[in-house]
PDB file of N, CA and C in Angstrom:
ATOM      1  N   MET A   1     -30.418  20.003  56.122  1.00  0.00           N
ATOM      2  CA  MET A   1     -29.679  20.652  57.421  1.00  0.00           C
ATOM      3  C   MET A   1     -28.475  20.742  57.376  1.00  0.00           C
ATOM      4  N   THR A   2     -27.679  20.105  56.512  1.00  0.00           N
ATOM      5  CA  THR A   2     -26.869  20.372  56.209  1.00  0.00           C
ATOM      6  C   THR A   2     -25.467  21.265  55.211  1.00  0.00           C
ATOM      7  N   ASP A   3     -27.419  21.590  54.637  1.00  0.00           N
ATOM      8  CA  ASP A   3     -26.759  23.121  53.648  1.00  0.00           C
ATOM      9  C   ASP A   3     -25.534  23.669  53.412  1.00  0.00           C
ATOM     10  N   GLN A   4     -25.497  24.318  55.256  1.00  0.00           N
ATOM     11  CA  GLN A   4     -24.622  25.279  55.341  1.00  0.00           C
ATOM     12  C   GLN A   4     -23.614  24.889  55.647  1.00  0.00           C
ATOM     13  N   ILE A   5     -23.382  23.352  55.458  1.00  0.00           N
ATOM     14  CA  ILE A   5     -21.759  23.067  55.539  1.00  0.00           C
ATOM     15  C   ILE A   5     -21.696  22.218  54.022  1.00  0.00           C
ATOM     16  N   THR A   6     -22.255  22.222  53.313  1.00  0.00           N
ATOM     17  CA  THR A   6     -22.176  21.067  52.620  1.00  0.00           C
ATOM     18  C   THR A   6     -21.434  22.294  51.132  1.00  0.00           C
ATOM     19  N   HIS A   7     -20.690  21.458  50.347  1.00  0.00           N
ATOM     20  CA  HIS A   7     -19.547  22.736  49.682  1.00  0.00           C
ATOM     21  C   HIS A   7     -20.261  21.196  48.355  1.00  0.00           C
ATOM     22  N   ARG A   8     -20.134  22.357  47.066  1.00  0.00           N
ATOM     23  CA  ARG A   8     -19.918  21.551  45.561  1.00  0.00           C
ATOM     24  C   ARG A   8     -19.250  21.981  44.537  1.00  0.00           C
ATOM     25  N   ALA A   9     -18.679  20.755  43.942  1.00  0.00           N
ATOM     26  CA  ALA A   9     -17.601  21.611  43.571  1.00  0.00           C
ATOM     27  C   ALA A   9     -17.442  20.130  42.405  1.00  0.00           C
ATOM     28  N   PHE A  10     -16.945  20.580  41.319  1.00  0.00           N
ATOM     29  CA  PHE A  10     -16.362  19.686  39.965  1.00  0.00           C
ATOM     30  C   PHE A  10     -15.451  18.130  40.800  1.00  0.00           C
ATOM     31  N   PHE A  11     -15.593  16.927  40.554  1.00  0.00           N
ATOM     32  CA  PHE A  11     -14.336  16.067  41.286  1.00  0.00           C
ATOM     33  C   PHE A  11     -14.366  15.052  40.335  1.00  0.00           C
ATOM     34  N   GLY A  12     -13.702  14.865  39.132  1.00  0.00           N
ATOM     35  CA  GLY A  12     -13.048  13.492  38.720  1.00  0.00           C
ATOM     36  C   GLY A  12     -14.018  13.609  37.412  1.00  0.00           C
ATOM     37  N   ASP A  13     -15.513  13.187  37.553  1.00  0.00           N
ATOM     38  CA  ASP A  13     -16.219  13.174  36.222  1.00  0.00           C
ATOM     39  C   ASP A  13     -17.350  14.029  36.574  1.00  0.00           C
ATOM     40  N   ALA A  14     -17.498  14.544  37.419  1.00  0.00           N
ATOM     41  CA  ALA A  14     -19.102  15.266  37.305  1.00  0.00           C
ATOM     42  C   ALA A  14     -18.964  16.299  39.088  1.00  0.00           C
ATOM     43  N   GLU A  15     -19.976  17.086  39.025  1.00  0.00           N
ATOM     44  CA  GLU A  15     -20.090  18.021  40.307  1.00  0.00           C
ATOM     45  C   GLU A  15     -20.564  17.340  41.224  1.00  0.00           C
ATOM     46  N   HIS A  16     -19.756  16.811  42.639  1.00  0.00           N
ATOM     47  CA  HIS A  16     -20.475  15.891  43.495  1.00  0.00           C
ATOM     48  C   HIS A  16     -20.661  17.354  45.013  1.00  0.00           C
ATOM     49  N   ALA A  17     -21.352  16.776  46.146  1.00  0.00           N
ATOM     50  CA  ALA A  17     -21.845  17.323  46.981  1.00  0.00           C
ATOM     51  C   ALA A  17     -21.037  16.930  48.062  1.00  0.00           C
ATOM     52  N   PHE A  18     -19.950  17.716  49.110  1.00  0.00           N
ATOM     53  CA  PHE A  18     -19.256  17.676  49.734  1.00  0.00           C
ATOM     54  C   PHE A  18     -19.766  18.198  51.168  1.00  0.00           C
ATOM     55  N   ALA A  19     -19.663  17.219  52.163  1.00  0.00           N
ATOM     56  CA  ALA A  19     -19.980  17.690  53.505  1.00  0.00           C
ATOM     57  C   ALA A  19     -19.315  17.294  55.013  1.00  0.00           C
ATOM     58  N   LEU A  20     -18.791  17.658  55.960  1.00  0.00           N
ATOM     59  CA  LEU A  20     -18.028  17.143  56.971  1.00  0.00           C
ATOM     60  C   LEU A  20     -18.763  17.051  58.245  1.00  0.00           C
ATOM     61  N   THR A  21     -19.796  16.680  57.873  1.00  0.00           N
ATOM     62  CA  THR A  21     -20.846  16.339  59.354  1.00  0.00           C
ATOM     63  C   THR A  21     -20.525  15.847  60.478  1.00  0.00           C
ATOM     64  N   ASP A  22     -20.765  15.981  61.734  1.00  0.00           N
ATOM     65  CA  ASP A  22     -20.304  15.555  62.616  1.00  0.00           C
ATOM     66  C   ASP A  22     -19.830  14.444  62.648  1.00  0.00           C
ATOM     67  N   GLU A  23     -20.588  13.532  61.911  1.00  0.00           N
ATOM     68  CA  GLU A  23     -19.918  12.212  61.947  1.00  0.00           C
ATOM     69  C   GLU A  23     -18.584  12.238  61.482  1.00  0.00           C
ATOM     70  N   MET A  24     -18.555  12.534  60.308  1.00  0.00           N
ATOM     71  CA  MET A  24     -17.409  12.704  59.646  1.00  0.00           C
ATOM     72  C   MET A  24     -15.862  13.344  60.165  1.00  0.00           C
ATOM     73  N   LEU A  25     -16.268  14.472  60.777  1.00  0.00           N
ATOM     74  CA  LEU A  25     -15.314  14.960  61.379  1.00  0.00           C
ATOM     75  C   LEU A  25     -15.000  14.365  62.633  1.00  0.00           C
ATOM     76  N   ALA A  26     -15.582  13.812  63.364  1.00  0.00           N
ATOM     77  CA  ALA A  26     -15.126  13.103  64.445  1.00  0.00           C
ATOM     78  C   ALA A  26     -14.299  11.891  63.741  1.00  0.00           C
ATOM     79  N   GLU A  27     -14.151  11.387  62.659  1.00  0.00           N
ATOM     80  CA  GLU A  27     -13.796   9.995  61.842  1.00  0.00           C
ATOM     81  C   GLU A  27     -12.775  10.573  61.168  1.00  0.00           C
ATOM     82  N   LEU A  28     -12.557  11.735  60.570  1.00  0.00           N
ATOM     83  CA  LEU A  28     -11.126  12.635  60.140  1.00  0.00           C
ATOM     84  C   LEU A  28     -10.128  13.051  61.838  1.00  0.00           C
ATOM     85  N   GLU A  29     -10.992  13.179  62.915  1.00  0.00           N
ATOM     86  CA  GLU A  29     -10.309  13.443  63.608  1.00  0.00           C
ATOM     87  C   GLU A  29      -9.413  12.097  64.382  1.00  0.00           C
ATOM     88  N   GLN A  30     -10.364  10.916  64.567  1.00  0.00           N
ATOM     89  CA  GLN A  30      -9.893   9.952  64.762  1.00  0.00           C
ATOM     90  C   GLN A  30      -8.860   9.445  63.948  1.00  0.00           C
ATOM     91  N   ILE A  31      -8.939   9.416  62.489  1.00  0.00           N
ATOM     92  CA  ILE A  31      -7.876   8.828  61.817  1.00  0.00           C
ATOM     93  C   ILE A  31      -6.525   9.664  61.511  1.00  0.00           C
ATOM     94  N   THR A  32      -6.653  10.833  61.910  1.00  0.00           N
ATOM     95  CA  THR A  32      -4.995  12.068  61.331  1.00  0.00           C
ATOM     96  C   THR A  32      -4.870  12.238  62.798  1.00  0.00           C
ATOM     97  N   GLY A  33      -5.723  12.037  64.142  1.00  0.00           N
ATOM     98  CA  GLY A  33      -4.971  11.999  65.325  1.00  0.00           C
ATOM     99  C   GLY A  33      -5.017  13.409  65.892  1.00  0.00           C
ATOM    100  N   LEU A  34      -5.702  14.736  65.163  1.00  0.00           N
ATOM    101  CA  LEU A  34      -5.988  15.886  65.279  1.00  0.00           C
ATOM    102  C   LEU A  34      -6.888  16.203  65.724  1.00  0.00           C
ATOM    103  N   GLY A  35      -7.464  17.578  66.408  1.00  0.00           N
ATOM    104  CA  GLY A  35      -8.819  18.159  66.608  1.00  0.00           C
ATOM    105  C   GLY A  35      -8.649  18.839  65.198  1.00  0.00           C
ATOM    106  N   VAL A  36     -10.031  19.511  64.564  1.00  0.00           N
ATOM    107  CA  VAL A  36     -10.463  19.952  63.661  1.00  0.00           C
ATOM    108  C   VAL A  36      -9.548  21.615  63.451  1.00  0.00           C
ATOM    109  N   GLY A  37      -9.960  22.290  64.769  1.00  0.00           N
ATOM    110  CA  GLY A  37      -8.570  23.467  64.837  1.00  0.00           C
ATOM    111  C   GLY A  37      -7.558  23.298  64.497  1.00  0.00           C
ATOM    112  N   ALA A  38      -6.942  22.109  64.778  1.00  0.00           N
ATOM    113  CA  ALA A  38      -5.117  22.319  64.537  1.00  0.00           C
ATOM    114  C   ALA A  38      -5.275  21.616  62.905  1.00  0.00           C
ATOM    115  N   MET A  39      -6.130  20.494  62.541  1.00  0.00           N
ATOM    116  CA  MET A  39      -5.770  20.064  61.277  1.00  0.00           C
ATOM    117  C   MET A  39      -6.339  21.964  60.241  1.00  0.00           C
ATOM    118  N   TYR A  40      -7.433  22.325  60.999  1.00  0.00           N
ATOM    119  CA  TYR A  40      -7.768  23.731  59.826  1.00  0.00           C
ATOM    120  C   TYR A  40      -6.510  24.691  59.752  1.00  0.00           C
ATOM    121  N   LEU A  41      -6.109  24.524  61.236  1.00  0.00           N
ATOM    122  CA  LEU A  41      -4.415  25.566  60.909  1.00  0.00           C
ATOM    123  C   LEU A  41      -3.404  25.109  60.035  1.00  0.00           C
ATOM    124  N   GLN A  42      -3.165  23.930  59.987  1.00  0.00           N
ATOM    125  CA  GLN A  42      -2.266  22.864  59.141  1.00  0.00           C
ATOM    126  C   GLN A  42      -2.357  23.166  57.920  1.00  0.00           C
ATOM    127  N   LEU A  43      -3.581  23.341  57.339  1.00  0.00           N
ATOM    128  CA  LEU A  43      -4.376  23.211  55.894  1.00  0.00           C
ATOM    129  C   LEU A  43      -3.689  24.878  55.534  1.00  0.00           C
ATOM    130  N   VAL A  44      -4.349  25.783  56.406  1.00  0.00           N
ATOM    131  CA  VAL A  44      -3.895  27.467  56.179  1.00  0.00           C
ATOM    132  C   VAL A  44      -2.752  27.483  55.961  1.00  0.00           C
ATOM    133  N   GLN A  45      -1.938  26.652  56.980  1.00  0.00           N
ATOM    134  CA  GLN A  45       0.057  26.835  57.131  1.00  0.00           C
ATOM    135  C   GLN A  45       0.848  26.300  55.793  1.00  0.00           C
ATOM    136  N   MET A  46      -0.166  25.272  55.125  1.00  0.00           N
ATOM    137  CA  MET A  46       0.281  24.470  54.210  1.00  0.00           C
ATOM    138  C   MET A  46       1.466  23.614  54.887  1.00  0.00           C
ATOM    139  N   ALA A  47       0.945  22.807  56.085  1.00  0.00           N
ATOM    140  CA  ALA A  47       1.411  22.120  56.484  1.00  0.00           C
ATOM    141  C   ALA A  47       1.298  20.853  57.249  1.00  0.00           C
ATOM    142  N   TYR A  48       0.212  20.013  56.508  1.00  0.00           N
ATOM    143  CA  TYR A  48      -0.620  19.344  55.981  1.00  0.00           C
ATOM    144  C   TYR A  48       0.060  17.871  55.750  1.00  0.00           C
ATOM    145  N   PRO A  49      -0.248  16.590  56.271  1.00  0.00           N
ATOM    146  CA  PRO A  49       0.344  15.737  55.456  1.00  0.00           C
ATOM    147  C   PRO A  49      -0.686  15.318  54.345  1.00  0.00           C
ATOM    148  N   ALA A  50      -0.352  15.046  53.147  1.00  0.00           N
ATOM    149  CA  ALA A  50      -0.695  14.930  52.154  1.00  0.00           C
ATOM    150  C   ALA A  50      -1.760  13.985  52.342  1.00  0.00           C
ATOM    151  N   SER A  51      -2.018  12.902  52.885  1.00  0.00           N
ATOM    152  CA  SER A  51      -3.124  11.718  53.477  1.00  0.00           C
ATOM    153  C   SER A  51      -4.249  12.734  53.717  1.00  0.00           C
ATOM    154  N   VAL A  52      -4.283  13.583  54.629  1.00  0.00           N
ATOM    155  CA  VAL A  52      -5.356  14.491  54.914  1.00  0.00           C
ATOM    156  C   VAL A  52      -6.142  15.028  53.607  1.00  0.00           C
ATOM    157  N   LEU A  53      -5.530  15.410  52.982  1.00  0.00           N
ATOM    158  CA  LEU A  53      -6.267  15.791  51.559  1.00  0.00           C
ATOM    159  C   LEU A  53      -7.109  15.251  51.343  1.00  0.00           C
ATOM    160  N   ARG A  54      -6.836  14.122  51.169  1.00  0.00           N
ATOM    161  CA  ARG A  54      -7.639  12.594  50.472  1.00  0.00           C
ATOM    162  C   ARG A  54      -8.547  11.846  51.410  1.00  0.00           C
ATOM    163  N   GLU A  55      -8.471  12.580  52.831  1.00  0.00           N
ATOM    164  CA  GLU A  55      -9.112  11.551  53.625  1.00  0.00           C
ATOM    165  C   GLU A  55     -10.314  13.130  53.759  1.00  0.00           C
ATOM    166  N   ILE A  56     -10.130  14.184  53.466  1.00  0.00           N
ATOM    167  CA  ILE A  56     -11.342  15.172  53.997  1.00  0.00           C
ATOM    168  C   ILE A  56     -12.013  15.171  52.723  1.00  0.00           C
ATOM    169  N   ILE A  57     -11.646  14.683  50.938  1.00  0.00           N
ATOM    170  CA  ILE A  57     -12.163  14.252  50.516  1.00  0.00           C
ATOM    171  C   ILE A  57     -13.227  13.276  49.878  1.00  0.00           C
ATOM    172  N   ARG A  58     -12.668  11.967  50.957  1.00  0.00           N
ATOM    173  CA  ARG A  58     -13.101  11.134  51.103  1.00  0.00           C
ATOM    174  C   ARG A  58     -14.410  10.805  51.694  1.00  0.00           C
ATOM    175  N   LEU A  59     -14.498  11.497  53.125  1.00  0.00           N
ATOM    176  CA  LEU A  59     -15.063  12.033  54.035  1.00  0.00           C
ATOM    177  C   LEU A  59     -16.328  12.962  53.738  1.00  0.00           C
ATOM    178  N   GLY A  60     -15.597  13.586  53.413  1.00  0.00           N
ATOM    179  CA  GLY A  60     -17.153  15.192  52.481  1.00  0.00           C
ATOM    180  C   GLY A  60     -17.796  14.194  51.897  1.00  0.00           C
ATOM    181  N   LEU A  61     -16.997  13.048  50.896  1.00  0.00           N
ATOM    182  CA  LEU A  61     -18.236  12.904  49.852  1.00  0.00           C
ATOM    183  C   LEU A  61     -19.550  11.602  50.778  1.00  0.00           C
ATOM    184  N   ILE A  62     -18.767  11.036  51.695  1.00  0.00           N
ATOM    185  CA  ILE A  62     -19.699  10.109  52.321  1.00  0.00           C
ATOM    186  C   ILE A  62     -20.588  11.061  53.526  1.00  0.00           C
ATOM    187  N   GLY A  63     -19.850  11.894  53.864  1.00  0.00           N
ATOM    188  CA  GLY A  63     -20.814  12.825  55.091  1.00  0.00           C
ATOM    189  C   GLY A  63     -22.239  13.474  53.600  1.00  0.00           C
ATOM    190  N   ALA A  64     -21.747  14.087  52.615  1.00  0.00           N
ATOM    191  CA  ALA A  64     -22.979  14.667  51.825  1.00  0.00           C
ATOM    192  C   ALA A  64     -23.609  13.242  51.081  1.00  0.00           C
ATOM    193  N   GLY A  65     -23.845  12.039  51.125  1.00  0.00           N
ATOM    194  CA  GLY A  65     -24.650  10.985  51.117  1.00  0.00           C
ATOM    195  C   GLY A  65     -24.006   9.953  49.891  1.00  0.00           C
ATOM    196  N   THR A  66     -23.050  10.120  49.766  1.00  0.00           N
ATOM    197  CA  THR A  66     -22.186   9.163  48.484  1.00  0.00           C
ATOM    198  C   THR A  66     -21.929   7.833  49.414  1.00  0.00           C
ATOM    199  N   ALA A  67     -22.121   6.953  48.975  1.00  0.00           N
ATOM    200  CA  ALA A  67     -21.651   5.373  49.033  1.00  0.00           C
ATOM    201  C   ALA A  67     -20.467   5.639  50.219  1.00  0.00           C
ATOM    202  N   PRO A  68     -19.783   4.589  51.126  1.00  0.00           N
ATOM    203  CA  PRO A  68     -18.172   4.934  51.168  1.00  0.00           C
ATOM    204  C   PRO A  68     -17.400   4.082  49.978  1.00  0.00           C
ATOM    205  N   GLU A  69     -18.323   2.911  49.756  1.00  0.00           N
ATOM    206  CA  GLU A  69     -17.269   2.303  48.798  1.00  0.00           C
ATOM    207  C   GLU A  69     -17.157   3.278  47.509  1.00  0.00           C
ATOM    208  N   ILE A  70     -18.023   4.240  47.063  1.00  0.00           N
ATOM    209  CA  ILE A  70     -17.932   4.808  45.712  1.00  0.00           C
ATOM    210  C   ILE A  70     -16.940   5.863  45.968  1.00  0.00           C
ATOM    211  N   ALA A  71     -17.120   6.707  47.184  1.00  0.00           N
ATOM    212  CA  ALA A  71     -16.260   7.193  47.916  1.00  0.00           C
ATOM    213  C   ALA A  71     -14.771   7.075  48.074  1.00  0.00           C
ATOM    214  N   HIS A  72     -14.599   5.754  48.110  1.00  0.00           N
ATOM    215  CA  HIS A  72     -12.955   5.497  48.518  1.00  0.00           C
ATOM    216  C   HIS A  72     -12.658   5.393  47.239  1.00  0.00           C
ATOM    217  N   ARG A  73     -13.386   4.935  45.773  1.00  0.00           N
ATOM    218  CA  ARG A  73     -12.994   4.661  44.557  1.00  0.00           C
ATOM    219  C   ARG A  73     -12.541   5.806  44.052  1.00  0.00           C
ATOM    220  N   MET A  74     -13.336   6.921  44.317  1.00  0.00           N
ATOM    221  CA  MET A  74     -13.454   8.291  43.314  1.00  0.00           C
ATOM    222  C   MET A  74     -11.763   8.460  44.250  1.00  0.00           C
ATOM    223  N   VAL A  75     -11.715   8.363  45.174  1.00  0.00           N
ATOM    224  CA  VAL A  75     -10.645   8.986  45.964  1.00  0.00           C
ATOM    225  C   VAL A  75      -9.206   8.747  45.054  1.00  0.00           C
ATOM    226  N   GLU A  76      -9.314   7.092  45.015  1.00  0.00           N
ATOM    227  CA  GLU A  76      -8.550   6.236  44.556  1.00  0.00           C
ATOM    228  C   GLU A  76      -7.992   6.224  42.946  1.00  0.00           C
ATOM    229  N   THR A  77      -9.257   7.014  42.422  1.00  0.00           N
ATOM    230  CA  THR A  77      -9.181   7.667  40.590  1.00  0.00           C
ATOM    231  C   THR A  77      -8.998   8.359  40.602  1.00  0.00           C
ATOM    232  N   TYR A  78      -8.953   9.498  41.225  1.00  0.00           N
ATOM    233  CA  TYR A  78      -8.912  11.343  41.183  1.00  0.00           C
ATOM    234  C   TYR A  78      -8.342  11.834  42.195  1.00  0.00           C
ATOM    235  N   ALA A  79      -7.790  11.484  42.976  1.00  0.00           N
ATOM    236  CA  ALA A  79      -6.708  12.101  44.079  1.00  0.00           C
ATOM    237  C   ALA A  79      -5.745  11.478  44.349  1.00  0.00           C
ATOM    238  N   THR A  80      -5.526  10.220  44.345  1.00  0.00           N
ATOM    239  CA  THR A  80      -4.295   9.563  44.547  1.00  0.00           C
ATOM    240  C   THR A  80      -3.274   9.404  43.863  1.00  0.00           C
ATOM    241  N   ASN A  81      -1.732   9.782  43.940  1.00  0.00           N
ATOM    242  CA  ASN A  81      -1.208   9.672  42.670  1.00  0.00           C
ATOM    243  C   ASN A  81      -1.336  11.069  41.787  1.00  0.00           C
ATOM    244  N   ARG A  82      -1.929  12.327  41.974  1.00  0.00           N
ATOM    245  CA  ARG A  82      -1.848  13.261  41.508  1.00  0.00           C
ATOM    246  C   ARG A  82      -1.505  14.758  42.341  1.00  0.00           C
ATOM    247  N   PRO A  83      -1.267  15.448  41.737  1.00  0.00           N
ATOM    248  CA  PRO A  83      -0.260  16.906  42.036  1.00  0.00           C
ATOM    249  C   PRO A  83      -1.245  17.124  43.139  1.00  0.00           C
ATOM    250  N   LEU A  84      -0.871  17.601  44.325  1.00  0.00           N
ATOM    251  CA  LEU A  84      -1.116  18.116  45.255  1.00  0.00           C
ATOM    252  C   LEU A  84      -1.863  19.798  44.859  1.00  0.00           C
ATOM    253  N   SER A  85      -1.486  20.237  44.386  1.00  0.00           N
ATOM    254  CA  SER A  85      -2.008  21.969  43.794  1.00  0.00           C
ATOM    255  C   SER A  85      -3.380  21.299  43.050  1.00  0.00           C
ATOM    256  N   GLU A  86      -3.838  19.784  43.280  1.00  0.00           N
ATOM    257  CA  GLU A  86      -4.805  19.551  42.479  1.00  0.00           C
ATOM    258  C   GLU A  86      -6.338  19.017  44.009  1.00  0.00           C
ATOM    259  N   THR A  87      -5.653  18.615  44.377  1.00  0.00           N
ATOM    260  CA  THR A  87      -6.247  18.165  45.695  1.00  0.00           C
ATOM    261  C   THR A  87      -6.556  19.258  46.822  1.00  0.00           C
ATOM    262  N   PHE A  88      -5.313  19.649  46.930  1.00  0.00           N
ATOM    263  CA  PHE A  88      -5.657  20.714  48.035  1.00  0.00           C
ATOM    264  C   PHE A  88      -6.829  21.594  48.047  1.00  0.00           C
ATOM    265  N   PRO A  89      -6.971  22.224  46.700  1.00  0.00           N
ATOM    266  CA  PRO A  89      -8.049  23.515  46.387  1.00  0.00           C
ATOM    267  C   PRO A  89      -9.635  22.623  47.249  1.00  0.00           C
ATOM    268  N   LEU A  90      -9.512  21.559  46.157  1.00  0.00           N
ATOM    269  CA  LEU A  90     -10.727  20.751  47.041  1.00  0.00           C
ATOM    270  C   LEU A  90     -11.444  20.368  48.526  1.00  0.00           C
ATOM    271  N   ALA A  91     -10.365  19.969  48.419  1.00  0.00           N
ATOM    272  CA  ALA A  91      -9.920  19.419  50.336  1.00  0.00           C
ATOM    273  C   ALA A  91     -10.002  21.262  50.914  1.00  0.00           C
ATOM    274  N   PHE A  92      -9.123  21.573  50.698  1.00  0.00           N
ATOM    275  CA  PHE A  92      -9.349  23.363  51.534  1.00  0.00           C
ATOM    276  C   PHE A  92     -11.040  23.930  51.780  1.00  0.00           C
ATOM    277  N   GLU A  93     -11.771  23.967  50.150  1.00  0.00           N
ATOM    278  CA  GLU A  93     -13.127  24.250  50.062  1.00  0.00           C
ATOM    279  C   GLU A  93     -14.045  23.390  51.010  1.00  0.00           C
ATOM    280  N   VAL A  94     -13.271  22.285  50.800  1.00  0.00           N
ATOM    281  CA  VAL A  94     -14.262  21.613  51.797  1.00  0.00           C
ATOM    282  C   VAL A  94     -14.475  21.822  53.127  1.00  0.00           C
ATOM    283  N   MET A  95     -13.168  21.519  53.802  1.00  0.00           N
ATOM    284  CA  MET A  95     -12.707  22.378  54.956  1.00  0.00           C
ATOM    285  C   MET A  95     -13.258  22.893  55.730  1.00  0.00           C
ATOM    286  N   GLU A  96     -12.884  24.256  54.528  1.00  0.00           N
ATOM    287  CA  GLU A  96     -13.802  26.066  54.686  1.00  0.00           C
ATOM    288  C   GLU A  96     -15.238  25.718  54.744  1.00  0.00           C
ATOM    289  N   ALA A  97     -16.013  25.617  54.055  1.00  0.00           N
ATOM    290  CA  ALA A  97     -17.771  25.251  54.289  1.00  0.00           C
ATOM    291  C   ALA A  97     -18.138  24.808  55.851  1.00  0.00           C
ATOM    292  N   ARG A  98     -17.226  24.269  56.075  1.00  0.00           N
ATOM    293  CA  ARG A  98     -17.697  23.428  57.660  1.00  0.00           C
ATOM    294  C   ARG A  98     -16.890  24.452  58.634  1.00  0.00           C
ATOM    295  N   TRP A  99     -16.025  25.193  58.523  1.00  0.00           N
ATOM    296  CA  TRP A  99     -15.208  26.101  59.055  1.00  0.00           C
ATOM    297  C   TRP A  99     -16.054  26.939  58.886  1.00  0.00           C
ATOM    298  N   SER A 100     -16.740  28.156  58.022  1.00  0.00           N
ATOM    299  CA  SER A 100     -16.956  29.455  57.691  1.00  0.00           C
ATOM    300  C   SER A 100     -18.476  28.825  57.611  1.00  0.00           C
ATOM    301  N   GLY A 101     -18.780  27.911  57.082  1.00  0.00           N
ATOM    302  CA  GLY A 101     -20.130  27.549  56.456  1.00  0.00           C
ATOM    303  C   GLY A 101     -19.989  28.307  54.611  1.00  0.00           C
ATOM    304  N   ALA A 102     -21.076  27.424  54.427  1.00  0.00           N
ATOM    305  CA  ALA A 102     -21.025  26.852  52.463  1.00  0.00           C
ATOM    306  C   ALA A 102     -21.727  28.362  51.765  1.00  0.00           C
ATOM    307  N   GLN A 103     -21.984  29.469  52.790  1.00  0.00           N
ATOM    308  CA  GLN A 103     -22.519  30.754  52.329  1.00  0.00           C
ATOM    309  C   GLN A 103     -21.426  31.703  52.435  1.00  0.00           C
ATOM    310  N   ALA A 104     -20.601  31.432  53.405  1.00  0.00           N
ATOM    311  CA  ALA A 104     -19.278  32.434  52.819  1.00  0.00           C
ATOM    312  C   ALA A 104     -18.319  31.895  51.977  1.00  0.00           C
ATOM    313  N   ASP A 105     -18.485  30.410  51.684  1.00  0.00           N
ATOM    314  CA  ASP A 105     -17.532  29.527  50.728  1.00  0.00           C
ATOM    315  C   ASP A 105     -18.496  30.044  49.091  1.00  0.00           C
ATOM    316  N   LYS A 106     -19.571  30.081  49.389  1.00  0.00           N
ATOM    317  CA  LYS A 106     -20.510  31.250  47.667  1.00  0.00           C
ATOM    318  C   LYS A 106     -19.963  32.448  47.281  1.00  0.00           C
ATOM    319  N   ALA A 107     -19.673  33.056  48.857  1.00  0.00           N
ATOM    320  CA  ALA A 107     -19.435  34.736  48.792  1.00  0.00           C
ATOM    321  C   ALA A 107     -18.125  35.026  48.278  1.00  0.00           C
ATOM    322  N   ALA A 108     -17.007  34.041  48.660  1.00  0.00           N
ATOM    323  CA  ALA A 108     -15.864  34.297  47.903  1.00  0.00           C
ATOM    324  C   ALA A 108     -15.856  34.047  46.762  1.00  0.00           C
ATOM    325  N   ALA A 109     -16.388  33.322  45.928  1.00  0.00           N
ATOM    326  CA  ALA A 109     -16.379  32.885  44.876  1.00  0.00           C
ATOM    327  C   ALA A 109     -16.915  33.961  43.496  1.00  0.00           C
TER     328      ALA A 109
END
């Protein structure tokens, strides 16, 4: 059922699935204090807090079935203290898959 919002991409050591399910979006909104529309707008305008990128990636991994402990470890290993130019594209693609659907994501590729 989440295929429409699941983005697949290489992250760290292999290709992984990312899905911002309703539960993960609610958690992201709770963590950031922003609604999903405001968060998406910040990403589009390049006006986001850096921590949001890591949270999108972490919660996307969890939403697609990665254990929370593993998702946390992966983000700490592969997204923390890295250039934002490395983490932004993945975080944006995960959010874009939720916003526009993974089919739109694949068509753009």
